[in-house]
Amino acid sequence: MRAGSVLIAIWIIIGVVAAGQRGYYTGSLANCSRVGTIAVTIVTGPLNYVGVNPKIGCQVPQPSK
């Protein structure tokens, strides 16, 4: 169980580094597309370095007037 935890931690750290290298942490995190893309990039971890380039697009409904 301990080896699995270490492996998952390393996987997540690699994903965080990949998101940083793509410049996802600069600027505002004001929309769900940006936050979703960062989250998916972190979750995919090392797969980012073999060609996976996840992007999330979402539309938030506007409030009625």
PDB file of N, CA and C in Angstrom:
ATOM      1  N   MET A   1       0.826  -1.200   0.000  1.00  0.00           N
ATOM      2  CA  MET A   1       0.000   0.000   0.000  1.00  0.00           C
ATOM      3  C   MET A   1       0.868   1.261   0.000  1.00  0.00           C
ATOM      4  N   ARG A   2       1.966   1.221   0.698  1.00  0.00           N
ATOM      5  CA  ARG A   2       2.838   2.388   0.773  1.00  0.00           C
ATOM      6  C   ARG A   2       3.433   2.726  -0.590  1.00  0.00           C
ATOM      7  N   ALA A   3       3.814   1.723  -1.349  1.00  0.00           N
ATOM      8  CA  ALA A   3       4.387   1.965  -2.675  1.00  0.00           C
ATOM      9  C   ALA A   3       3.354   2.605  -3.601  1.00  0.00           C
ATOM     10  N   GLY A   4       2.101   2.190  -3.484  1.00  0.00           N
ATOM     11  CA  GLY A   4       1.040   2.778  -4.294  1.00  0.00           C
ATOM     12  C   GLY A   4       0.828   4.253  -3.968  1.00  0.00           C
ATOM     13  N   SER A   5       0.886   4.588  -2.694  1.00  0.00           N
ATOM     14  CA  SER A   5       0.736   5.987  -2.277  1.00  0.00           C
ATOM     15  C   SER A   5       1.863   6.854  -2.809  1.00  0.00           C
ATOM     16  N   VAL A   6       3.071   6.314  -2.768  1.00  0.00           N
ATOM     17  CA  VAL A   6       4.229   7.056  -3.277  1.00  0.00           C
ATOM     18  C   VAL A   6       4.100   7.248  -4.781  1.00  0.00           C
ATOM     19  N   LEU A   7       3.667   6.204  -5.475  1.00  0.00           N
ATOM     20  CA  LEU A   7       3.486   6.286  -6.921  1.00  0.00           C
ATOM     21  C   LEU A   7       2.440   7.325  -7.302  1.00  0.00           C
ATOM     22  N   ILE A   8       1.335   7.365  -6.579  1.00  0.00           N
ATOM     23  CA  ILE A   8       0.282   8.359  -6.843  1.00  0.00           C
ATOM     24  C   ILE A   8       0.796   9.770  -6.569  1.00  0.00           C
ATOM     25  N   ALA A   9       1.545   9.944  -5.490  1.00  0.00           N
ATOM     26  CA  ALA A   9       2.095  11.265  -5.173  1.00  0.00           C
ATOM     27  C   ALA A   9       3.042  11.734  -6.272  1.00  0.00           C
ATOM     28  N   ILE A  10       3.900  10.853  -6.748  1.00  0.00           N
ATOM     29  CA  ILE A  10       4.825  11.209  -7.831  1.00  0.00           C
ATOM     30  C   ILE A  10       4.046  11.551  -9.097  1.00  0.00           C
ATOM     31  N   TRP A  11       3.001  10.779  -9.406  1.00  0.00           N
ATOM     32  CA  TRP A  11       2.139  11.018 -10.577  1.00  0.00           C
ATOM     33  C   TRP A  11       1.556  12.439 -10.513  1.00  0.00           C
ATOM     34  N   ILE A  12       1.014  12.810  -9.361  1.00  0.00           N
ATOM     35  CA  ILE A  12       0.404  14.140  -9.187  1.00  0.00           C
ATOM     36  C   ILE A  12       1.458  15.237  -9.289  1.00  0.00           C
ATOM     37  N   ILE A  13       2.613  15.036  -8.693  1.00  0.00           N
ATOM     38  CA  ILE A  13       3.681  16.040  -8.757  1.00  0.00           C
ATOM     39  C   ILE A  13       4.104  16.275 -10.203  1.00  0.00           C
ATOM     40  N   ILE A  14       4.223  15.206 -10.980  1.00  0.00           N
ATOM     41  CA  ILE A  14       4.574  15.361 -12.393  1.00  0.00           C
ATOM     42  C   ILE A  14       3.491  16.154 -13.125  1.00  0.00           C
ATOM     43  N   GLY A  15       2.225  15.920 -12.805  1.00  0.00           N
ATOM     44  CA  GLY A  15       1.133  16.674 -13.413  1.00  0.00           C
ATOM     45  C   GLY A  15       1.178  18.148 -13.053  1.00  0.00           C
ATOM     46  N   VAL A  16       1.508  18.443 -11.798  1.00  0.00           N
ATOM     47  CA  VAL A  16       1.628  19.842 -11.360  1.00  0.00           C
ATOM     48  C   VAL A  16       2.755  20.533 -12.116  1.00  0.00           C
ATOM     49  N   VAL A  17       3.867  19.838 -12.285  1.00  0.00           N
ATOM     50  CA  VAL A  17       5.001  20.406 -13.027  1.00  0.00           C
ATOM     51  C   VAL A  17       4.613  20.648 -14.488  1.00  0.00           C
ATOM     52  N   ALA A  18       3.908  19.685 -15.094  1.00  0.00           N
ATOM     53  CA  ALA A  18       3.494  19.837 -16.498  1.00  0.00           C
ATOM     54  C   ALA A  18       2.580  21.043 -16.668  1.00  0.00           C
ATOM     55  N   ALA A  19       1.635  21.241 -15.754  1.00  0.00           N
ATOM     56  CA  ALA A  19       0.745  22.405 -15.836  1.00  0.00           C
ATOM     57  C   ALA A  19       1.530  23.704 -15.682  1.00  0.00           C
ATOM     58  N   GLY A  20       2.518  23.699 -14.812  1.00  0.00           N
ATOM     59  CA  GLY A  20       3.363  24.877 -14.638  1.00  0.00           C
ATOM     60  C   GLY A  20       4.177  25.188 -15.880  1.00  0.00           C
ATOM     61  N   GLN A  21       4.700  24.157 -16.535  1.00  0.00           N
ATOM     62  CA  GLN A  21       5.488  24.364 -17.746  1.00  0.00           C
ATOM     63  C   GLN A  21       4.638  24.899 -18.889  1.00  0.00           C
ATOM     64  N   ARG A  22       3.375  24.585 -18.885  1.00  0.00           N
ATOM     65  CA  ARG A  22       2.474  25.095 -19.924  1.00  0.00           C
ATOM     66  C   ARG A  22       1.946  26.489 -19.593  1.00  0.00           C
ATOM     67  N   GLY A  23       2.299  27.022 -18.439  1.00  0.00           N
ATOM     68  CA  GLY A  23       1.911  28.376 -18.073  1.00  0.00           C
ATOM     69  C   GLY A  23       0.485  28.502 -17.595  1.00  0.00           C
ATOM     70  N   TYR A  24      -0.103  27.415 -17.100  1.00  0.00           N
ATOM     71  CA  TYR A  24      -1.499  27.451 -16.677  1.00  0.00           C
ATOM     72  C   TYR A  24      -1.718  28.179 -15.360  1.00  0.00           C
ATOM     73  N   TYR A  25      -0.661  28.390 -14.589  1.00  0.00           N
ATOM     74  CA  TYR A  25      -0.824  29.042 -13.289  1.00  0.00           C
ATOM     75  C   TYR A  25      -0.707  30.563 -13.370  1.00  0.00           C
ATOM     76  N   THR A  26      -0.325  31.103 -14.508  1.00  0.00           N
ATOM     77  CA  THR A  26      -0.201  32.555 -14.638  1.00  0.00           C
ATOM     78  C   THR A  26      -1.556  33.143 -15.009  1.00  0.00           C
ATOM     79  N   GLY A  27      -1.823  34.316 -14.546  1.00  0.00           N
ATOM     80  CA  GLY A  27      -3.080  34.987 -14.869  1.00  0.00           C
ATOM     81  C   GLY A  27      -4.204  34.597 -13.925  1.00  0.00           C
ATOM     82  N   SER A  28      -5.394  34.943 -14.325  1.00  0.00           N
ATOM     83  CA  SER A  28      -6.578  34.729 -13.498  1.00  0.00           C
ATOM     84  C   SER A  28      -7.127  33.310 -13.667  1.00  0.00           C
ATOM     85  N   LEU A  29      -7.668  32.756 -12.603  1.00  0.00           N
ATOM     86  CA  LEU A  29      -8.324  31.454 -12.647  1.00  0.00           C
ATOM     87  C   LEU A  29      -9.842  31.645 -12.607  1.00  0.00           C
ATOM     88  N   ALA A  30     -10.325  32.677 -13.280  1.00  0.00           N
ATOM     89  CA  ALA A  30     -11.703  33.106 -13.125  1.00  0.00           C
ATOM     90  C   ALA A  30     -12.734  32.274 -13.874  1.00  0.00           C
ATOM     91  N   ASN A  31     -12.333  31.392 -14.773  1.00  0.00           N
ATOM     92  CA  ASN A  31     -13.372  30.651 -15.491  1.00  0.00           C
ATOM     93  C   ASN A  31     -13.194  29.147 -15.330  1.00  0.00           C
ATOM     94  N   CYS A  32     -14.279  28.429 -15.535  1.00  0.00           N
ATOM     95  CA  CYS A  32     -14.261  26.985 -15.293  1.00  0.00           C
ATOM     96  C   CYS A  32     -13.423  26.244 -16.325  1.00  0.00           C
ATOM     97  N   SER A  33     -13.293  26.758 -17.525  1.00  0.00           N
ATOM     98  CA  SER A  33     -12.466  26.102 -18.529  1.00  0.00           C
ATOM     99  C   SER A  33     -11.011  26.053 -18.080  1.00  0.00           C
ATOM    100  N   ARG A  34     -10.535  27.144 -17.559  1.00  0.00           N
ATOM    101  CA  ARG A  34      -9.135  27.219 -17.113  1.00  0.00           C
ATOM    102  C   ARG A  34      -8.892  26.305 -15.917  1.00  0.00           C
ATOM    103  N   VAL A  35      -9.783  26.331 -14.945  1.00  0.00           N
ATOM    104  CA  VAL A  35      -9.643  25.485 -13.760  1.00  0.00           C
ATOM    105  C   VAL A  35      -9.751  24.012 -14.153  1.00  0.00           C
ATOM    106  N   GLY A  36     -10.673  23.690 -15.038  1.00  0.00           N
ATOM    107  CA  GLY A  36     -10.835  22.313 -15.504  1.00  0.00           C
ATOM    108  C   GLY A  36      -9.623  21.807 -16.246  1.00  0.00           C
ATOM    109  N   THR A  37      -9.055  22.643 -17.093  1.00  0.00           N
ATOM    110  CA  THR A  37      -7.857  22.262 -17.842  1.00  0.00           C
ATOM    111  C   THR A  37      -6.690  22.003 -16.900  1.00  0.00           C
ATOM    112  N   ILE A  38      -6.518  22.837 -15.898  1.00  0.00           N
ATOM    113  CA  ILE A  38      -5.448  22.635 -14.916  1.00  0.00           C
ATOM    114  C   ILE A  38      -5.666  21.319 -14.174  1.00  0.00           C
ATOM    115  N   ALA A  39      -6.890  21.066 -13.738  1.00  0.00           N
ATOM    116  CA  ALA A  39      -7.182  19.838 -12.990  1.00  0.00           C
ATOM    117  C   ALA A  39      -6.929  18.591 -13.834  1.00  0.00           C
ATOM    118  N   VAL A  40      -7.375  18.601 -15.075  1.00  0.00           N
ATOM    119  CA  VAL A  40      -7.175  17.433 -15.943  1.00  0.00           C
ATOM    120  C   VAL A  40      -5.699  17.244 -16.265  1.00  0.00           C
ATOM    121  N   THR A  41      -4.967  18.326 -16.443  1.00  0.00           N
ATOM    122  CA  THR A  41      -3.535  18.225 -16.701  1.00  0.00           C
ATOM    123  C   THR A  41      -2.820  17.592 -15.512  1.00  0.00           C
ATOM    124  N   ILE A  42      -3.199  17.985 -14.304  1.00  0.00           N
ATOM    125  CA  ILE A  42      -2.591  17.410 -13.109  1.00  0.00           C
ATOM    126  C   ILE A  42      -2.941  15.934 -12.984  1.00  0.00           C
ATOM    127  N   VAL A  43      -4.181  15.573 -13.247  1.00  0.00           N
ATOM    128  CA  VAL A  43      -4.613  14.180 -13.120  1.00  0.00           C
ATOM    129  C   VAL A  43      -3.935  13.282 -14.153  1.00  0.00           C
ATOM    130  N   THR A  44      -3.712  13.780 -15.357  1.00  0.00           N
ATOM    131  CA  THR A  44      -3.088  12.951 -16.380  1.00  0.00           C
ATOM    132  C   THR A  44      -1.587  12.765 -16.154  1.00  0.00           C
ATOM    133  N   GLY A  45      -1.006  13.569 -15.282  1.00  0.00           N
ATOM    134  CA  GLY A  45       0.372  13.378 -14.845  1.00  0.00           C
ATOM    135  C   GLY A  45       1.376  13.170 -15.967  1.00  0.00           C
ATOM    136  N   PRO A  46       2.131  12.079 -15.923  1.00  0.00           N
ATOM    137  CA  PRO A  46       3.192  11.825 -16.900  1.00  0.00           C
ATOM    138  C   PRO A  46       2.696  11.670 -18.329  1.00  0.00           C
ATOM    139  N   LEU A  47       1.430  11.392 -18.517  1.00  0.00           N
ATOM    140  CA  LEU A  47       0.896  11.258 -19.871  1.00  0.00           C
ATOM    141  C   LEU A  47       1.034  12.555 -20.653  1.00  0.00           C
ATOM    142  N   ASN A  48       1.175  13.679 -19.946  1.00  0.00           N
ATOM    143  CA  ASN A  48       1.378  14.968 -20.606  1.00  0.00           C
ATOM    144  C   ASN A  48       2.658  14.976 -21.435  1.00  0.00           C
ATOM    145  N   TYR A  49       3.632  14.176 -21.040  1.00  0.00           N
ATOM    146  CA  TYR A  49       4.922  14.168 -21.727  1.00  0.00           C
ATOM    147  C   TYR A  49       4.986  13.167 -22.873  1.00  0.00           C
ATOM    148  N   VAL A  50       3.918  12.423 -23.100  1.00  0.00           N
ATOM    149  CA  VAL A  50       3.870  11.509 -24.242  1.00  0.00           C
ATOM    150  C   VAL A  50       2.823  11.956 -25.257  1.00  0.00           C
ATOM    151  N   GLY A  51       2.396  13.201 -25.174  1.00  0.00           N
ATOM    152  CA  GLY A  51       1.533  13.769 -26.192  1.00  0.00           C
ATOM    153  C   GLY A  51       0.110  14.095 -25.778  1.00  0.00           C
ATOM    154  N   VAL A  52      -0.282  13.730 -24.565  1.00  0.00           N
ATOM    155  CA  VAL A  52      -1.636  14.063 -24.115  1.00  0.00           C
ATOM    156  C   VAL A  52      -1.668  15.551 -23.784  1.00  0.00           C
ATOM    157  N   ASN A  53      -2.604  16.266 -24.354  1.00  0.00           N
ATOM    158  CA  ASN A  53      -2.751  17.696 -24.088  1.00  0.00           C
ATOM    159  C   ASN A  53      -4.224  17.975 -23.789  1.00  0.00           C
ATOM    160  N   PRO A  54      -4.661  17.642 -22.566  1.00  0.00           N
ATOM    161  CA  PRO A  54      -6.083  17.785 -22.250  1.00  0.00           C
ATOM    162  C   PRO A  54      -6.515  19.240 -22.152  1.00  0.00           C
ATOM    163  N   LYS A  55      -7.670  19.507 -22.684  1.00  0.00           N
ATOM    164  CA  LYS A  55      -8.290  20.838 -22.578  1.00  0.00           C
ATOM    165  C   LYS A  55      -9.752  20.628 -22.217  1.00  0.00           C
ATOM    166  N   ILE A  56     -10.257  21.451 -21.338  1.00  0.00           N
ATOM    167  CA  ILE A  56     -11.648  21.375 -20.922  1.00  0.00           C
ATOM    168  C   ILE A  56     -12.337  22.664 -21.351  1.00  0.00           C
ATOM    169  N   GLY A  57     -13.492  22.521 -21.944  1.00  0.00           N
ATOM    170  CA  GLY A  57     -14.301  23.679 -22.307  1.00  0.00           C
ATOM    171  C   GLY A  57     -15.643  23.582 -21.606  1.00  0.00           C
ATOM    172  N   CYS A  58     -16.088  24.646 -21.028  1.00  0.00           N
ATOM    173  CA  CYS A  58     -17.386  24.610 -20.363  1.00  0.00           C
ATOM    174  C   CYS A  58     -18.065  25.966 -20.489  1.00  0.00           C
ATOM    175  N   GLN A  59     -19.341  25.916 -20.477  1.00  0.00           N
ATOM    176  CA  GLN A  59     -20.151  27.123 -20.550  1.00  0.00           C
ATOM    177  C   GLN A  59     -20.962  27.236 -19.259  1.00  0.00           C
ATOM    178  N   VAL A  60     -20.808  28.321 -18.571  1.00  0.00           N
ATOM    179  CA  VAL A  60     -21.573  28.556 -17.353  1.00  0.00           C
ATOM    180  C   VAL A  60     -22.778  29.408 -17.730  1.00  0.00           C
ATOM    181  N   PRO A  61     -23.974  28.981 -17.344  1.00  0.00           N
ATOM    182  CA  PRO A  61     -25.156  29.784 -17.686  1.00  0.00           C
ATOM    183  C   PRO A  61     -25.104  31.153 -17.037  1.00  0.00           C
ATOM    184  N   GLN A  62     -25.527  32.152 -17.768  1.00  0.00           N
ATOM    185  CA  GLN A  62     -25.559  33.507 -17.260  1.00  0.00           C
ATOM    186  C   GLN A  62     -26.830  33.700 -16.431  1.00  0.00           C
ATOM    187  N   PRO A  63     -26.735  34.497 -15.376  1.00  0.00           N
ATOM    188  CA  PRO A  63     -27.928  34.735 -14.571  1.00  0.00           C
ATOM    189  C   PRO A  63     -28.973  35.524 -15.352  1.00  0.00           C
ATOM    190  N   SER A  64     -30.206  35.253 -15.057  1.00  0.00           N
ATOM    191  CA  SER A  64     -31.280  35.989 -15.735  1.00  0.00           C
ATOM    192  C   SER A  64     -31.362  37.404 -15.165  1.00  0.00           C
ATOM    193  N   LYS A  65     -31.900  38.293 -15.985  1.00  0.00           N
ATOM    194  CA  LYS A  65     -32.003  39.692 -15.559  1.00  0.00           C
ATOM    195  C   LYS A  65     -33.384  39.992 -15.040  1.00  0.00           C
TER     196      LYS A  65
END
